[in-house]
N, C-alpha and C. Protein backbone atom coordinates (compact mmCIF):
# COMPACT_ATOMS: atom_id res chain seq x y z
N MET A 1 37.74 -12.05 15.14
CA MET A 1 37.48 -11.06 14.13
C MET A 1 38.33 -9.82 14.40
N LYS A 2 38.92 -9.28 13.36
CA LYS A 2 39.78 -8.12 13.50
C LYS A 2 38.97 -6.87 13.81
N LYS A 3 39.63 -5.93 14.44
CA LYS A 3 39.00 -4.66 14.78
C LYS A 3 38.50 -3.94 13.53
N GLU A 4 39.31 -4.00 12.45
CA GLU A 4 38.92 -3.35 11.18
C GLU A 4 37.67 -3.98 10.61
N ASP A 5 37.58 -5.30 10.68
CA ASP A 5 36.41 -6.01 10.16
C ASP A 5 35.15 -5.65 10.95
N ILE A 6 35.31 -5.55 12.25
CA ILE A 6 34.18 -5.17 13.11
C ILE A 6 33.71 -3.76 12.76
N LEU A 7 34.68 -2.85 12.58
CA LEU A 7 34.32 -1.47 12.22
C LEU A 7 33.65 -1.41 10.86
N THR A 8 34.16 -2.17 9.91
CA THR A 8 33.57 -2.20 8.57
C THR A 8 32.15 -2.73 8.63
N GLU A 9 31.94 -3.80 9.36
CA GLU A 9 30.61 -4.39 9.50
C GLU A 9 29.66 -3.40 10.19
N ALA A 10 30.12 -2.75 11.23
CA ALA A 10 29.31 -1.77 11.95
C ALA A 10 28.95 -0.59 11.03
N THR A 11 29.92 -0.14 10.25
CA THR A 11 29.67 0.97 9.32
C THR A 11 28.62 0.58 8.29
N GLU A 12 28.70 -0.63 7.77
CA GLU A 12 27.72 -1.11 6.80
C GLU A 12 26.32 -1.16 7.42
N LYS A 13 26.24 -1.63 8.65
CA LYS A 13 24.95 -1.68 9.34
C LYS A 13 24.38 -0.28 9.55
N ILE A 14 25.25 0.66 9.93
CA ILE A 14 24.82 2.04 10.14
C ILE A 14 24.30 2.63 8.83
N LEU A 15 24.99 2.39 7.74
CA LEU A 15 24.55 2.91 6.44
C LEU A 15 23.21 2.31 6.03
N LYS A 16 23.02 1.01 6.29
CA LYS A 16 21.74 0.38 6.00
C LYS A 16 20.63 0.98 6.84
N LEU A 17 20.92 1.21 8.12
CA LEU A 17 19.92 1.81 9.01
C LEU A 17 19.58 3.23 8.59
N LYS A 18 20.59 4.02 8.19
CA LYS A 18 20.33 5.37 7.72
C LYS A 18 19.45 5.34 6.47
N SER A 19 19.72 4.40 5.58
CA SER A 19 18.92 4.25 4.37
C SER A 19 17.48 3.90 4.72
N LYS A 20 17.31 3.01 5.68
CA LYS A 20 15.96 2.61 6.12
C LYS A 20 15.24 3.79 6.76
N ILE A 21 15.95 4.59 7.54
CA ILE A 21 15.36 5.78 8.17
C ILE A 21 14.87 6.75 7.10
N LEU A 22 15.69 6.97 6.07
CA LEU A 22 15.28 7.86 4.98
C LEU A 22 14.03 7.33 4.27
N GLU A 23 14.00 6.02 4.05
CA GLU A 23 12.84 5.39 3.41
C GLU A 23 11.59 5.57 4.27
N LEU A 24 11.72 5.35 5.57
CA LEU A 24 10.58 5.50 6.49
C LEU A 24 10.13 6.95 6.60
N GLU A 25 11.08 7.88 6.57
CA GLU A 25 10.71 9.30 6.59
C GLU A 25 9.92 9.66 5.35
N GLU A 26 10.29 9.12 4.19
CA GLU A 26 9.55 9.37 2.95
C GLU A 26 8.15 8.78 3.03
N GLN A 27 8.03 7.58 3.59
CA GLN A 27 6.72 6.95 3.76
C GLN A 27 5.85 7.78 4.70
N LEU A 28 6.45 8.30 5.77
CA LEU A 28 5.71 9.14 6.71
C LEU A 28 5.24 10.42 6.03
N LYS A 29 6.11 11.04 5.25
CA LYS A 29 5.75 12.25 4.51
C LYS A 29 4.56 11.96 3.59
N ASN A 30 4.62 10.84 2.86
CA ASN A 30 3.53 10.47 1.96
C ASN A 30 2.24 10.21 2.72
N ALA A 31 2.36 9.57 3.89
CA ALA A 31 1.18 9.29 4.70
C ALA A 31 0.55 10.58 5.21
N LYS A 32 1.39 11.55 5.60
CA LYS A 32 0.86 12.84 6.05
C LYS A 32 0.15 13.55 4.93
N GLU A 33 0.72 13.51 3.72
CA GLU A 33 0.06 14.14 2.58
C GLU A 33 -1.28 13.49 2.32
N CYS A 34 -1.32 12.18 2.44
CA CYS A 34 -2.56 11.44 2.24
C CYS A 34 -3.60 11.87 3.28
N LYS A 35 -3.17 12.00 4.51
CA LYS A 35 -4.06 12.34 5.61
C LYS A 35 -4.63 13.75 5.47
N PHE A 36 -3.88 14.65 4.90
CA PHE A 36 -4.31 16.04 4.85
C PHE A 36 -4.93 16.44 3.52
N GLY A 37 -5.61 15.52 2.88
CA GLY A 37 -6.49 15.88 1.79
C GLY A 37 -5.94 15.83 0.38
N LYS A 38 -4.73 15.37 0.18
CA LYS A 38 -4.21 15.31 -1.18
C LYS A 38 -4.56 13.98 -1.85
N THR A 39 -5.21 13.10 -1.12
CA THR A 39 -5.55 11.77 -1.63
C THR A 39 -6.98 11.44 -1.26
N ASN A 40 -7.66 10.71 -2.15
CA ASN A 40 -8.99 10.18 -1.84
C ASN A 40 -8.85 8.72 -1.51
N TYR A 41 -9.43 8.32 -0.40
CA TYR A 41 -9.39 6.92 0.02
C TYR A 41 -10.71 6.27 -0.37
N ILE A 42 -10.62 5.14 -1.07
CA ILE A 42 -11.83 4.42 -1.48
C ILE A 42 -11.89 3.13 -0.69
N HIS A 43 -12.78 3.09 0.30
CA HIS A 43 -12.94 1.88 1.10
C HIS A 43 -13.83 0.87 0.37
N GLU A 44 -14.92 1.37 -0.17
CA GLU A 44 -15.85 0.52 -0.92
C GLU A 44 -16.35 1.29 -2.12
N THR A 45 -16.59 0.57 -3.21
CA THR A 45 -17.21 1.21 -4.37
C THR A 45 -18.71 0.99 -4.30
N SER A 46 -19.46 1.98 -4.77
CA SER A 46 -20.91 1.83 -4.79
C SER A 46 -21.43 1.50 -6.18
N ASN A 47 -20.62 1.80 -7.21
CA ASN A 47 -21.05 1.52 -8.57
C ASN A 47 -19.83 1.52 -9.48
N LEU A 48 -19.79 0.56 -10.39
CA LEU A 48 -18.73 0.48 -11.39
C LEU A 48 -19.38 0.32 -12.76
N TYR A 49 -18.94 1.09 -13.72
CA TYR A 49 -19.44 0.91 -15.08
C TYR A 49 -18.49 1.58 -16.07
N CYS A 50 -18.58 1.16 -17.32
CA CYS A 50 -17.76 1.73 -18.39
C CYS A 50 -18.67 2.38 -19.43
N ILE A 51 -18.20 3.50 -19.95
CA ILE A 51 -18.90 4.18 -21.03
C ILE A 51 -17.89 5.05 -21.78
N ASP A 52 -17.97 5.02 -23.09
CA ASP A 52 -17.12 5.85 -23.95
C ASP A 52 -15.63 5.72 -23.64
N GLY A 53 -15.16 4.50 -23.41
CA GLY A 53 -13.74 4.28 -23.17
C GLY A 53 -13.25 4.71 -21.80
N GLU A 54 -14.18 4.85 -20.86
CA GLU A 54 -13.81 5.26 -19.50
C GLU A 54 -14.45 4.34 -18.48
N MET A 55 -13.69 4.00 -17.46
CA MET A 55 -14.19 3.24 -16.32
C MET A 55 -14.60 4.24 -15.26
N HIS A 56 -15.86 4.17 -14.84
CA HIS A 56 -16.37 5.06 -13.79
C HIS A 56 -16.43 4.25 -12.49
N ILE A 57 -15.80 4.77 -11.47
CA ILE A 57 -15.76 4.12 -10.16
C ILE A 57 -16.40 5.08 -9.16
N GLU A 58 -17.60 4.75 -8.73
CA GLU A 58 -18.31 5.60 -7.78
C GLU A 58 -18.09 5.08 -6.37
N TYR A 59 -17.91 6.01 -5.44
CA TYR A 59 -17.65 5.63 -4.05
C TYR A 59 -18.16 6.72 -3.12
N GLY A 60 -18.28 6.39 -1.86
CA GLY A 60 -18.81 7.34 -0.88
C GLY A 60 -20.32 7.18 -0.76
N GLU A 61 -20.88 7.95 0.16
CA GLU A 61 -22.33 7.86 0.40
C GLU A 61 -22.94 9.24 0.46
N GLY A 62 -24.20 9.33 0.06
CA GLY A 62 -24.95 10.58 0.17
C GLY A 62 -24.26 11.75 -0.48
N GLU A 63 -24.14 12.85 0.26
CA GLU A 63 -23.51 14.06 -0.26
C GLU A 63 -22.02 13.89 -0.49
N ASN A 64 -21.43 12.87 0.12
CA ASN A 64 -19.99 12.61 -0.03
C ASN A 64 -19.67 11.67 -1.20
N GLN A 65 -20.70 11.31 -1.99
CA GLN A 65 -20.46 10.40 -3.11
C GLN A 65 -19.60 11.10 -4.16
N LYS A 66 -18.61 10.36 -4.64
CA LYS A 66 -17.69 10.88 -5.65
C LYS A 66 -17.54 9.85 -6.76
N CYS A 67 -16.95 10.29 -7.87
CA CYS A 67 -16.72 9.39 -8.99
C CYS A 67 -15.30 9.57 -9.50
N LEU A 68 -14.60 8.47 -9.61
CA LEU A 68 -13.26 8.45 -10.20
C LEU A 68 -13.44 7.92 -11.62
N ILE A 69 -12.91 8.63 -12.59
CA ILE A 69 -13.02 8.21 -13.99
C ILE A 69 -11.63 7.87 -14.50
N TYR A 70 -11.49 6.66 -15.01
CA TYR A 70 -10.19 6.14 -15.43
C TYR A 70 -10.28 5.78 -16.92
N ASN A 71 -9.37 6.30 -17.73
CA ASN A 71 -9.31 5.96 -19.14
C ASN A 71 -8.99 4.48 -19.28
N THR A 72 -9.82 3.74 -20.02
CA THR A 72 -9.65 2.28 -20.08
C THR A 72 -8.36 1.86 -20.78
N ASP A 73 -7.87 2.66 -21.73
CA ASP A 73 -6.58 2.33 -22.36
C ASP A 73 -5.47 2.34 -21.33
N GLN A 74 -5.43 3.38 -20.50
CA GLN A 74 -4.41 3.47 -19.47
C GLN A 74 -4.63 2.43 -18.38
N LEU A 75 -5.87 2.21 -18.02
CA LEU A 75 -6.18 1.19 -17.01
C LEU A 75 -5.67 -0.17 -17.45
N PHE A 76 -5.88 -0.49 -18.73
CA PHE A 76 -5.42 -1.77 -19.26
C PHE A 76 -3.90 -1.89 -19.13
N LYS A 77 -3.19 -0.80 -19.41
CA LYS A 77 -1.73 -0.80 -19.30
C LYS A 77 -1.29 -0.94 -17.84
N ASP A 78 -2.08 -0.39 -16.92
CA ASP A 78 -1.73 -0.42 -15.50
C ASP A 78 -2.16 -1.71 -14.79
N LEU A 79 -3.02 -2.50 -15.42
CA LEU A 79 -3.57 -3.68 -14.76
C LEU A 79 -2.52 -4.67 -14.26
N PRO A 80 -1.47 -4.99 -15.01
CA PRO A 80 -0.49 -5.95 -14.46
C PRO A 80 0.07 -5.49 -13.11
N PHE A 81 0.44 -4.22 -13.01
CA PHE A 81 0.97 -3.71 -11.74
C PHE A 81 -0.11 -3.71 -10.66
N ILE A 82 -1.30 -3.26 -11.00
CA ILE A 82 -2.40 -3.20 -10.03
C ILE A 82 -2.68 -4.60 -9.48
N ILE A 83 -2.81 -5.57 -10.37
CA ILE A 83 -3.10 -6.94 -9.94
C ILE A 83 -1.99 -7.48 -9.06
N ASN A 84 -0.74 -7.27 -9.47
CA ASN A 84 0.41 -7.74 -8.70
C ASN A 84 0.38 -7.18 -7.29
N GLN A 85 0.17 -5.89 -7.16
CA GLN A 85 0.18 -5.24 -5.85
C GLN A 85 -1.01 -5.66 -4.99
N VAL A 86 -2.17 -5.79 -5.59
CA VAL A 86 -3.37 -6.20 -4.85
C VAL A 86 -3.19 -7.62 -4.31
N VAL A 87 -2.66 -8.52 -5.13
CA VAL A 87 -2.44 -9.89 -4.69
C VAL A 87 -1.44 -9.92 -3.54
N LYS A 88 -0.34 -9.16 -3.64
CA LYS A 88 0.66 -9.13 -2.56
C LYS A 88 0.07 -8.58 -1.27
N GLU A 89 -0.65 -7.47 -1.36
CA GLU A 89 -1.21 -6.87 -0.15
C GLU A 89 -2.29 -7.76 0.46
N ASN A 90 -3.09 -8.40 -0.38
CA ASN A 90 -4.12 -9.30 0.13
C ASN A 90 -3.47 -10.48 0.84
N LYS A 91 -2.38 -11.00 0.28
CA LYS A 91 -1.67 -12.12 0.93
C LYS A 91 -1.16 -11.71 2.30
N LYS A 92 -0.59 -10.50 2.40
CA LYS A 92 -0.12 -10.00 3.70
C LYS A 92 -1.25 -9.99 4.71
N MET A 93 -2.41 -9.49 4.30
CA MET A 93 -3.55 -9.40 5.21
C MET A 93 -4.05 -10.79 5.59
N GLN A 94 -4.13 -11.69 4.63
CA GLN A 94 -4.58 -13.05 4.92
C GLN A 94 -3.61 -13.74 5.88
N ASP A 95 -2.31 -13.56 5.66
CA ASP A 95 -1.31 -14.15 6.57
C ASP A 95 -1.45 -13.59 7.97
N MET A 96 -1.69 -12.28 8.08
CA MET A 96 -1.85 -11.65 9.39
C MET A 96 -3.07 -12.23 10.11
N HIS A 97 -4.20 -12.36 9.39
CA HIS A 97 -5.41 -12.90 10.01
C HIS A 97 -5.21 -14.36 10.42
N LEU A 98 -4.51 -15.12 9.59
CA LEU A 98 -4.24 -16.51 9.92
C LEU A 98 -3.37 -16.62 11.17
N ARG A 99 -2.34 -15.75 11.28
CA ARG A 99 -1.50 -15.74 12.48
C ARG A 99 -2.33 -15.42 13.71
N GLU A 100 -3.23 -14.45 13.60
CA GLU A 100 -4.07 -14.08 14.73
C GLU A 100 -4.98 -15.23 15.14
N ILE A 101 -5.52 -15.94 14.17
CA ILE A 101 -6.38 -17.10 14.47
C ILE A 101 -5.56 -18.17 15.20
N LYS A 102 -4.37 -18.46 14.69
CA LYS A 102 -3.51 -19.47 15.31
C LYS A 102 -3.14 -19.07 16.74
N ASP A 103 -2.83 -17.79 16.96
CA ASP A 103 -2.49 -17.32 18.30
C ASP A 103 -3.66 -17.49 19.25
N GLU A 104 -4.85 -17.17 18.76
CA GLU A 104 -6.04 -17.32 19.61
C GLU A 104 -6.31 -18.78 19.94
N LEU A 105 -6.10 -19.64 18.96
CA LEU A 105 -6.33 -21.07 19.19
C LEU A 105 -5.35 -21.65 20.20
N LYS A 106 -4.12 -21.11 20.24
CA LYS A 106 -3.13 -21.57 21.21
C LYS A 106 -3.59 -21.29 22.62
N GLU A 107 -4.36 -20.22 22.79
CA GLU A 107 -4.81 -19.85 24.12
C GLU A 107 -5.99 -20.68 24.63
N LEU A 108 -6.61 -21.45 23.74
CA LEU A 108 -7.75 -22.26 24.17
C LEU A 108 -7.33 -23.49 24.92
């Protein structure tokens, strides 16, 4: 391989790595914003219902109970993306748990 080709390949790798670093820095920034109160995390819902064209999603417990209200017209438009992302993330988690089970079984 020529010296120029090696340099070109190395430069391309460096540019890809810089791009990945910028992406990760943005993800970190978003995670910090989430951690410091700009986002509500819903681990479990306590009640779901619709009334007057709105989906009410209740979550939290006791004094910390909150309600997210989502316009059903917009929710319907967002459903394809929501379903797609939920299925992908759930698959990642299921794959991770399956790998962990297989690893544990290897040790038996």
